[in-house]
C-alpha atoms as a PDB file:
ATOM      1  CA  MET A   1      -0.310   0.021   0.057  1.00  0.00           C
ATOM      2  CA  LEU A   2       1.428   3.455  -1.235  1.00  0.00           C
ATOM      3  CA  SER A   3       1.460   5.927   2.035  1.00  0.00           C
ATOM      4  CA  ARG A   4      -0.186   9.290   0.692  1.00  0.00           C
ATOM      5  CA  SER A   5       1.784  12.659   0.932  1.00  0.00           C
ATOM      6  CA  PRO A   6       0.963  15.412   3.457  1.00  0.00           C
ATOM      7  CA  LEU A   7      -0.591  17.424   1.018  1.00  0.00           C
ATOM      8  CA  GLN A   8      -2.853  14.357  -0.249  1.00  0.00           C
ATOM      9  CA  ARG A   9      -3.689  14.246   3.451  1.00  0.00           C
ATOM     10  CA  LEU A  10      -4.771  17.619   4.000  1.00  0.00           C
ATOM     11  CA  ARG A  11      -6.817  17.467   0.562  1.00  0.00           C
ATOM     12  CA  ALA A  12      -7.882  14.403   1.708  1.00  0.00           C
ATOM     13  CA  ALA A  13      -8.959  16.127   5.030  1.00  0.00           C
ATOM     14  CA  ARG A  14     -10.030  19.474   3.875  1.00  0.00           C
ATOM     15  CA  ARG A  15     -13.952  18.327   3.829  1.00  0.00           C
ATOM     16  CA  SER A  16     -14.013  18.164   7.667  1.00  0.00           C
ATOM     17  CA  TRP A  17     -12.950  21.458   7.898  1.00  0.00           C
ATOM     18  CA  ALA A  18     -15.711  22.856   5.805  1.00  0.00           C
ATOM     19  CA  ALA A  19     -18.267  22.674   8.386  1.00  0.00           C
ATOM     20  CA  PRO A  20     -18.494  26.333   9.952  1.00  0.00           C
ATOM     21  CA  LEU A  21     -18.020  26.922  12.922  1.00  0.00           C
ATOM     22  CA  GLN A  22     -20.926  27.857  15.429  1.00  0.00           C
ATOM     23  CA  PRO A  23     -21.075  30.639  17.771  1.00  0.00           C
ATOM     24  CA  ARG A  24     -21.990  29.301  21.141  1.00  0.00           C
ATOM     25  CA  ARG A  25     -22.547  31.533  24.173  1.00  0.00           C
ATOM     26  CA  ARG A  26     -20.875  31.150  27.605  1.00  0.00           C
ATOM     27  CA  PRO A  27     -19.270  32.811  30.402  1.00  0.00           C
ATOM     28  CA  LEU A  28     -16.574  34.513  29.611  1.00  0.00           C
ATOM     29  CA  SER A  29     -14.381  36.854  31.710  1.00  0.00           C
ATOM     30  CA  THR A  30     -15.819  40.205  33.538  1.00  0.00           C
ATOM     31  CA  ALA A  31     -18.742  39.282  31.505  1.00  0.00           C
ATOM     32  CA  ALA A  32     -18.951  35.613  33.773  1.00  0.00           C
ATOM     33  CA  ALA A  33     -18.253  37.364  36.846  1.00  0.00           C
ATOM     34  CA  ALA A  34     -21.889  39.015  36.319  1.00  0.00           C
ATOM     35  CA  GLY A  35     -23.155  36.284  35.287  1.00  0.00           C
ATOM     36  CA  GLU A  36     -23.964  37.831  31.878  1.00  0.00           C
ATOM     37  CA  ALA A  37     -23.831  35.202  29.430  1.00  0.00           C
ATOM     38  CA  VAL A  38     -21.438  36.576  26.481  1.00  0.00           C
ATOM     39  CA  ASP A  39     -23.367  35.851  22.792  1.00  0.00           C
ATOM     40  CA  GLU A  40     -21.127  36.590  19.618  1.00  0.00           C
ATOM     41  CA  PRO A  41     -21.248  40.200  18.921  1.00  0.00           C
ATOM     42  CA  ASN A  42     -20.337  40.870  22.846  1.00  0.00           C
ATOM     43  CA  TYR A  43     -17.841  38.437  22.467  1.00  0.00           C
ATOM     44  CA  ARG A  44     -16.200  40.439  19.642  1.00  0.00           C
ATOM     45  CA  ARG A  45     -16.170  43.779  21.422  1.00  0.00           C
ATOM     46  CA  MET A  46     -14.376  41.756  24.354  1.00  0.00           C
ATOM     47  CA  ILE A  47     -11.602  40.905  21.930  1.00  0.00           C
ATOM     48  CA  LEU A  48     -11.418  44.243  20.301  1.00  0.00           C
ATOM     49  CA  GLU A  49     -11.801  45.782  23.804  1.00  0.00           C
ATOM     50  CA  SER A  50      -9.392  43.925  25.178  1.00  0.00           C
ATOM     51  CA  ARG A  51      -6.165  45.071  27.500  1.00  0.00           C
ATOM     52  CA  VAL A  52      -3.500  43.122  25.604  1.00  0.00           C
ATOM     53  CA  TYR A  53      -4.143  46.201  22.664  1.00  0.00           C
ATOM     54  CA  ASP A  54      -2.340  47.974  25.346  1.00  0.00           C
ATOM     55  CA  VAL A  55       0.393  46.178  23.804  1.00  0.00           C
ATOM     56  CA  ALA A  56       0.046  44.012  20.938  1.00  0.00           C
ATOM     57  CA  LEU A  57      -0.921  45.275  17.469  1.00  0.00           C
ATOM     58  CA  GLN A  58      -4.115  44.011  15.722  1.00  0.00           C
ATOM     59  CA  THR A  59      -2.098  42.036  12.901  1.00  0.00           C
ATOM     60  CA  PRO A  60      -3.118  41.573   9.155  1.00  0.00           C
ATOM     61  CA  LEU A  61      -4.944  38.011   7.646  1.00  0.00           C
ATOM     62  CA  GLN A  62      -2.617  37.246   4.491  1.00  0.00           C
ATOM     63  CA  GLU A  63      -3.498  35.063   1.520  1.00  0.00           C
ATOM     64  CA  ALA A  64      -1.139  32.581   0.824  1.00  0.00           C
ATOM     65  CA  PRO A  65      -1.654  32.126  -2.614  1.00  0.00           C
ATOM     66  CA  ALA A  66       0.260  29.416  -3.540  1.00  0.00           C
ATOM     67  CA  LEU A  67      -0.583  27.273  -0.594  1.00  0.00           C
ATOM     68  CA  SER A  68      -4.724  28.025  -1.417  1.00  0.00           C
ATOM     69  CA  HIS A  69      -3.963  26.724  -5.007  1.00  0.00           C
ATOM     70  CA  ALA A  70      -2.643  23.764  -3.846  1.00  0.00           C
ATOM     71  CA  LEU A  71      -5.100  23.379  -1.278  1.00  0.00           C
ATOM     72  CA  GLN A  72      -7.784  24.730  -3.682  1.00  0.00           C
ATOM     73  CA  ASN A  73      -9.159  26.918  -0.317  1.00  0.00           C
ATOM     74  CA  ARG A  74      -8.730  30.550   0.367  1.00  0.00           C
ATOM     75  CA  VAL A  75      -6.002  29.448   2.901  1.00  0.00           C
ATOM     76  CA  PHE A  76      -5.365  33.282   5.241  1.00  0.00           C
ATOM     77  CA  PHE A  77      -1.776  33.645   7.656  1.00  0.00           C
ATOM     78  CA  LYS A  78      -2.701  35.244  10.673  1.00  0.00           C
ATOM     79  CA  ARG A  79       0.748  37.815  11.003  1.00  0.00           C
ATOM     80  CA  GLU A  80       1.890  37.301  14.312  1.00  0.00           C
ATOM     81  CA  ASP A  81       4.998  37.931  13.237  1.00  0.00           C
ATOM     82  CA  LEU A  82       4.909  41.439  13.367  1.00  0.00           C
ATOM     83  CA  GLN A  83       3.512  41.780  16.529  1.00  0.00           C
ATOM     84  CA  PRO A  84       6.627  43.376  18.677  1.00  0.00           C
ATOM     85  CA  VAL A  85       8.146  40.412  19.614  1.00  0.00           C
ATOM     86  CA  PHE A  86       7.277  38.832  16.442  1.00  0.00           C
ATOM     87  CA  SER A  87       5.113  36.107  17.790  1.00  0.00           C
ATOM     88  CA  PHE A  88       1.457  35.353  19.516  1.00  0.00           C
ATOM     89  CA  LYS A  89       3.074  34.755  22.500  1.00  0.00           C
ATOM     90  CA  ILE A  90       2.478  38.601  24.012  1.00  0.00           C
ATOM     91  CA  ARG A  91      -0.675  37.778  23.957  1.00  0.00           C
ATOM     92  CA  GLY A  92      -0.915  35.013  26.622  1.00  0.00           C
ATOM     93  CA  ALA A  93       2.131  37.033  28.873  1.00  0.00           C
ATOM     94  CA  TYR A  94       0.247  40.613  28.766  1.00  0.00           C
ATOM     95  CA  ASN A  95      -3.301  39.142  29.713  1.00  0.00           C
ATOM     96  CA  LYS A  96      -1.549  36.812  32.325  1.00  0.00           C
ATOM     97  CA  MET A  97       0.616  39.596  33.664  1.00  0.00           C
ATOM     98  CA  ALA A  98      -2.414  42.085  33.467  1.00  0.00           C
ATOM     99  CA  SER A  99      -4.717  40.104  35.280  1.00  0.00           C
ATOM    100  CA  LEU A 100      -2.490  39.824  38.517  1.00  0.00           C
ATOM    101  CA  SER A 101      -3.787  41.463  41.273  1.00  0.00           C
ATOM    102  CA  ALA A 102      -1.596  44.309  42.957  1.00  0.00           C
ATOM    103  CA  GLU A 103      -0.226  41.950  45.335  1.00  0.00           C
ATOM    104  CA  GLU A 104       0.784  39.742  42.824  1.00  0.00           C
ATOM    105  CA  LYS A 105       2.252  42.161  40.820  1.00  0.00           C
ATOM    106  CA  ALA A 106       4.906  43.644  43.393  1.00  0.00           C
ATOM    107  CA  ALA A 107       5.789  40.364  44.461  1.00  0.00           C
ATOM    108  CA  GLY A 108       7.086  39.829  40.588  1.00  0.00           C
ATOM    109  CA  CYS A 109       7.097  36.634  38.042  1.00  0.00           C
ATOM    110  CA  VAL A 110       9.328  33.806  37.302  1.00  0.00           C
ATOM    111  CA  CYS A 111       9.023  32.146  33.774  1.00  0.00           C
ATOM    112  CA  CYS A 112      11.080  29.961  31.890  1.00  0.00           C
ATOM    113  CA  SER A 113      11.359  30.208  28.354  1.00  0.00           C
ATOM    114  CA  ALA A 114      13.938  29.534  25.581  1.00  0.00           C
ATOM    115  CA  GLY A 115      12.481  32.374  23.204  1.00  0.00           C
ATOM    116  CA  ASN A 116       8.734  33.700  22.129  1.00  0.00           C
ATOM    117  CA  HIS A 117       7.204  33.601  25.513  1.00  0.00           C
ATOM    118  CA  ALA A 118      10.817  35.131  27.250  1.00  0.00           C
ATOM    119  CA  GLN A 119      10.183  38.133  25.108  1.00  0.00           C
ATOM    120  CA  GLY A 120       6.648  38.705  25.532  1.00  0.00           C
ATOM    121  CA  VAL A 121       7.213  38.260  29.688  1.00  0.00           C
ATOM    122  CA  ALA A 122       9.760  40.802  29.282  1.00  0.00           C
ATOM    123  CA  LEU A 123       7.737  43.035  27.344  1.00  0.00           C
ATOM    124  CA  SER A 124       4.793  42.895  30.158  1.00  0.00           C
ATOM    125  CA  ALA A 125       7.069  43.484  32.194  1.00  0.00           C
ATOM    126  CA  ARG A 126       8.189  46.729  31.088  1.00  0.00           C
ATOM    127  CA  LYS A 127       5.141  48.062  30.195  1.00  0.00           C
ATOM    128  CA  LEU A 128       3.085  47.030  33.501  1.00  0.00           C
ATOM    129  CA  GLY A 129       5.936  47.647  35.619  1.00  0.00           C
ATOM    130  CA  VAL A 130       6.571  44.150  37.084  1.00  0.00           C
ATOM    131  CA  ARG A 131       9.801  42.713  38.119  1.00  0.00           C
ATOM    132  CA  ALA A 132      10.394  39.385  36.179  1.00  0.00           C
ATOM    133  CA  LYS A 133      12.997  36.764  36.569  1.00  0.00           C
ATOM    134  CA  ILE A 134      12.806  34.784  32.983  1.00  0.00           C
ATOM    135  CA  VAL A 135      14.889  31.494  33.711  1.00  0.00           C
ATOM    136  CA  MET A 136      16.489  30.450  29.701  1.00  0.00           C
ATOM    137  CA  PRO A 137      18.589  27.252  29.143  1.00  0.00           C
ATOM    138  CA  LEU A 138      21.883  28.385  29.010  1.00  0.00           C
ATOM    139  CA  ALA A 139      22.652  27.467  24.893  1.00  0.00           C
ATOM    140  CA  THR A 140      19.636  29.978  24.646  1.00  0.00           C
ATOM    141  CA  PRO A 141      21.209  32.330  21.380  1.00  0.00           C
ATOM    142  CA  ASP A 142      22.754  35.490  22.383  1.00  0.00           C
ATOM    143  CA  ILE A 143      20.061  36.946  19.620  1.00  0.00           C
ATOM    144  CA  LYS A 144      16.849  35.497  21.946  1.00  0.00           C
ATOM    145  CA  VAL A 145      18.767  37.184  25.592  1.00  0.00           C
ATOM    146  CA  ASN A 146      19.364  40.185  24.179  1.00  0.00           C
ATOM    147  CA  SER A 147      16.455  40.651  22.494  1.00  0.00           C
ATOM    148  CA  VAL A 148      14.700  39.449  26.600  1.00  0.00           C
ATOM    149  CA  ARG A 149      16.854  42.099  27.745  1.00  0.00           C
ATOM    150  CA  HIS A 150      16.076  44.933  25.376  1.00  0.00           C
ATOM    151  CA  HIS A 151      12.375  44.365  25.549  1.00  0.00           C
ATOM    152  CA  GLY A 152      12.347  43.844  29.513  1.00  0.00           C
ATOM    153  CA  GLY A 153      15.216  46.815  30.427  1.00  0.00           C
ATOM    154  CA  ASP A 154      15.464  47.305  34.109  1.00  0.00           C
ATOM    155  CA  PHE A 155      12.640  45.643  34.760  1.00  0.00           C
ATOM    156  CA  VAL A 156      13.939  42.252  34.034  1.00  0.00           C
ATOM    157  CA  ASP A 157      16.664  39.675  35.721  1.00  0.00           C
ATOM    158  CA  ILE A 158      17.415  37.025  33.103  1.00  0.00           C
ATOM    159  CA  VAL A 159      18.824  33.707  34.651  1.00  0.00           C
ATOM    160  CA  LEU A 160      20.670  31.443  32.604  1.00  0.00           C
ATOM    161  CA  HIS A 161      20.514  27.960  33.874  1.00  0.00           C
ATOM    162  CA  GLY A 162      20.882  24.006  32.742  1.00  0.00           C
ATOM    163  CA  LYS A 163      21.695  22.155  29.607  1.00  0.00           C
ATOM    164  CA  GLY A 164      18.389  22.079  28.039  1.00  0.00           C
ATOM    165  CA  PHE A 165      14.970  23.495  28.696  1.00  0.00           C
ATOM    166  CA  ASP A 166      14.019  20.675  31.257  1.00  0.00           C
ATOM    167  CA  ASP A 167      16.539  22.275  33.684  1.00  0.00           C
ATOM    168  CA  ALA A 168      16.134  25.466  33.233  1.00  0.00           C
ATOM    169  CA  ALA A 169      12.165  24.943  34.303  1.00  0.00           C
ATOM    170  CA  ALA A 170      13.132  22.858  37.329  1.00  0.00           C
ATOM    171  CA  GLU A 171      15.400  26.179  38.409  1.00  0.00           C
ATOM    172  CA  ALA A 172      12.390  28.371  37.987  1.00  0.00           C
ATOM    173  CA  ARG A 173      10.334  25.980  40.359  1.00  0.00           C
ATOM    174  CA  ARG A 174      12.707  26.325  42.764  1.00  0.00           C
ATOM    175  CA  LEU A 175      13.343  30.088  42.481  1.00  0.00           C
ATOM    176  CA  VAL A 176       9.161  30.319  42.938  1.00  0.00           C
ATOM    177  CA  GLU A 177       9.744  28.302  45.925  1.00  0.00           C
ATOM    178  CA  GLN A 178      12.723  30.321  47.677  1.00  0.00           C
ATOM    179  CA  GLU A 179      11.011  33.486  47.105  1.00  0.00           C
END
């Protein structure tokens, strides 16, 4: 039996992607606290008014002509590479740090990352005035370390530790327990 190429598998799977997503009513964030059900229009408003846009850009969708042609469908890329840290990771880092209580912000944060998440935490720390310790493996490329330093400025302490991510993550956990 011949195995199918990745492109053939994508074409075969395309049919399962055709079903449109149905909006669901569900509680979210502040609306959930008020007991308000969030429908699609409110959900869109919440996205557009999200605090993440204090730091993140609204990036465009860009059509991918070659991939669209190959899959016989319109395929778009969300250009998150245009964010200040060149990644979507700024969204999660900023949302989490912005949602911390005043007491938690004063205590600072510790994270472990070998790249884009570290840059997101660094930029978020500077924008929100929160101290952050960012643990990165010793093998992290200088360009990533320098970018974290650039985005975080005086709000970030970079700790290079361990041969790989697991060692760095263990050190981050140790730092959290120590403080």
